[in-house]
Protein backbone atom coordinates (compact mmCIF):
# COMPACT_ATOMS: atom_id res chain seq x y z
CA UNK A 1 126.37 106.12 96.41
CA UNK A 2 126.26 108.15 93.21
CA UNK A 3 123.22 110.05 91.96
CA UNK A 4 122.22 107.42 89.43
CA UNK A 5 122.25 104.67 92.03
CA UNK A 6 120.26 106.83 94.44
CA UNK A 7 117.65 107.66 91.79
CA UNK A 8 117.38 104.03 90.71
CA UNK A 9 116.92 102.89 94.30
CA UNK A 10 114.21 105.46 94.86
CA UNK A 11 112.59 104.48 91.55
CA UNK A 12 112.57 100.85 92.63
CA UNK A 13 111.03 101.69 96.03
CA UNK A 14 108.30 103.79 94.43
CA UNK A 15 107.44 101.12 91.82
CA UNK A 16 107.12 98.60 94.68
CA UNK A 17 104.83 101.00 96.56
CA UNK A 18 102.62 101.49 93.48
CA UNK A 19 102.47 97.71 92.95
CA UNK A 20 101.49 97.07 96.59
CA UNK A 21 98.77 99.77 96.44
CA UNK A 22 97.38 98.23 93.23
CA UNK A 23 97.29 94.78 94.84
CA UNK A 24 95.63 96.17 97.96
CA UNK A 25 93.02 98.04 95.91
CA UNK A 26 92.32 94.95 93.82
CA UNK A 27 91.88 92.70 96.84
CA UNK A 28 89.58 95.24 98.51
CA UNK A 29 87.37 95.46 95.44
CA UNK A 30 86.99 91.69 95.20
CA UNK A 31 86.42 90.97 98.89
CA UNK A 32 84.59 93.96 100.42
CA UNK A 33 81.20 93.32 101.96
CA UNK A 34 78.45 95.84 101.41
CA UNK A 35 78.54 97.00 105.02
CA UNK A 36 82.28 97.76 104.73
CA UNK A 37 82.12 99.50 101.38
CA UNK A 38 81.75 103.08 102.72
CA UNK A 39 84.78 102.77 104.96
CA UNK A 40 86.70 100.93 102.25
CA UNK A 41 85.80 103.70 99.77
CA UNK A 42 87.39 106.31 102.05
CA UNK A 43 90.45 104.13 102.46
CA UNK A 44 90.65 103.62 98.72
CA UNK A 45 90.63 107.37 98.18
CA UNK A 46 93.67 107.71 100.48
CA UNK A 47 95.42 104.84 98.68
CA UNK A 48 94.68 106.38 95.27
CA UNK A 49 96.18 109.69 96.40
CA UNK A 50 99.30 107.91 97.66
CA UNK A 51 99.53 106.05 94.33
CA UNK A 52 99.19 109.30 92.32
CA UNK A 53 101.91 110.96 94.40
CA UNK A 54 104.25 107.98 93.88
CA UNK A 55 103.57 107.99 90.13
CA UNK A 56 104.30 111.71 89.94
CA UNK A 57 107.64 111.16 91.75
CA UNK A 58 108.43 108.31 89.36
CA UNK A 59 107.99 110.71 86.44
CA UNK A 60 110.29 113.21 88.10
CA UNK A 61 112.90 110.50 88.72
CA UNK A 62 112.76 109.42 85.08
CA UNK A 63 113.27 113.06 84.09
CA UNK A 64 116.25 113.29 86.43
CA UNK A 65 117.74 110.09 84.98
CA UNK A 66 117.44 111.58 81.49
CA UNK A 67 119.16 114.74 82.71
CA UNK A 68 121.97 112.56 84.08
CA UNK A 69 122.41 110.94 80.65
CA UNK A 70 122.43 114.35 78.99
CA UNK A 71 124.90 115.88 81.46
CA UNK A 72 122.31 118.37 82.76
CA UNK A 73 121.65 116.80 86.15
CA UNK A 74 122.11 119.21 88.99
CA UNK A 75 121.45 122.29 86.93
CA UNK A 76 118.40 124.50 87.47
CA UNK A 77 115.91 124.38 84.60
CA UNK A 78 115.03 128.04 85.15
CA UNK A 79 118.28 129.94 85.72
CA UNK A 80 120.64 127.15 84.55
CA UNK A 81 122.76 127.57 87.70
CA UNK A 82 123.89 124.69 89.87
CA UNK A 83 121.49 123.09 92.26
CA UNK A 84 123.14 122.75 95.64
CA UNK A 85 124.31 119.35 96.87
CA UNK A 86 122.23 119.98 100.02
CA UNK A 87 119.07 120.35 97.95
CA UNK A 88 119.86 117.32 95.79
CA UNK A 89 120.43 115.19 98.87
CA UNK A 90 116.97 116.25 100.12
CA UNK A 91 115.27 115.94 96.74
CA UNK A 92 117.48 114.02 94.28
CA UNK A 93 115.08 114.76 91.39
CA UNK A 94 114.96 118.54 92.01
CA UNK A 95 114.69 120.55 88.82
CA UNK A 96 115.09 124.02 90.29
CA UNK A 97 117.69 125.60 92.56
CA UNK A 98 116.67 126.84 95.97
CA UNK A 99 116.36 130.44 94.72
CA UNK A 100 114.17 129.60 91.72
CA UNK A 101 112.02 127.17 93.73
CA UNK A 102 111.12 129.86 96.26
């Protein structure tokens, strides 16, 4: 699988995750009983954090896709050196090489 396919697959998975969280939050808001609202509020906070993390990753993936189009994918945004394949396999939307990220 090439980088674009990998990024698009990850993007699709994250969009699905955000959509499921939105549906869950909406159904909780419309069906929660007063006695359950405190617990539901804590659960909602966790879900909102997960949604925010997914949305941030989506932004990073979109940035990586733009870099692919511009021929800059896999190059560190700080030192302009190559980002190792090992790092890209771990974090396909990495913007910094291992040295600059440390």
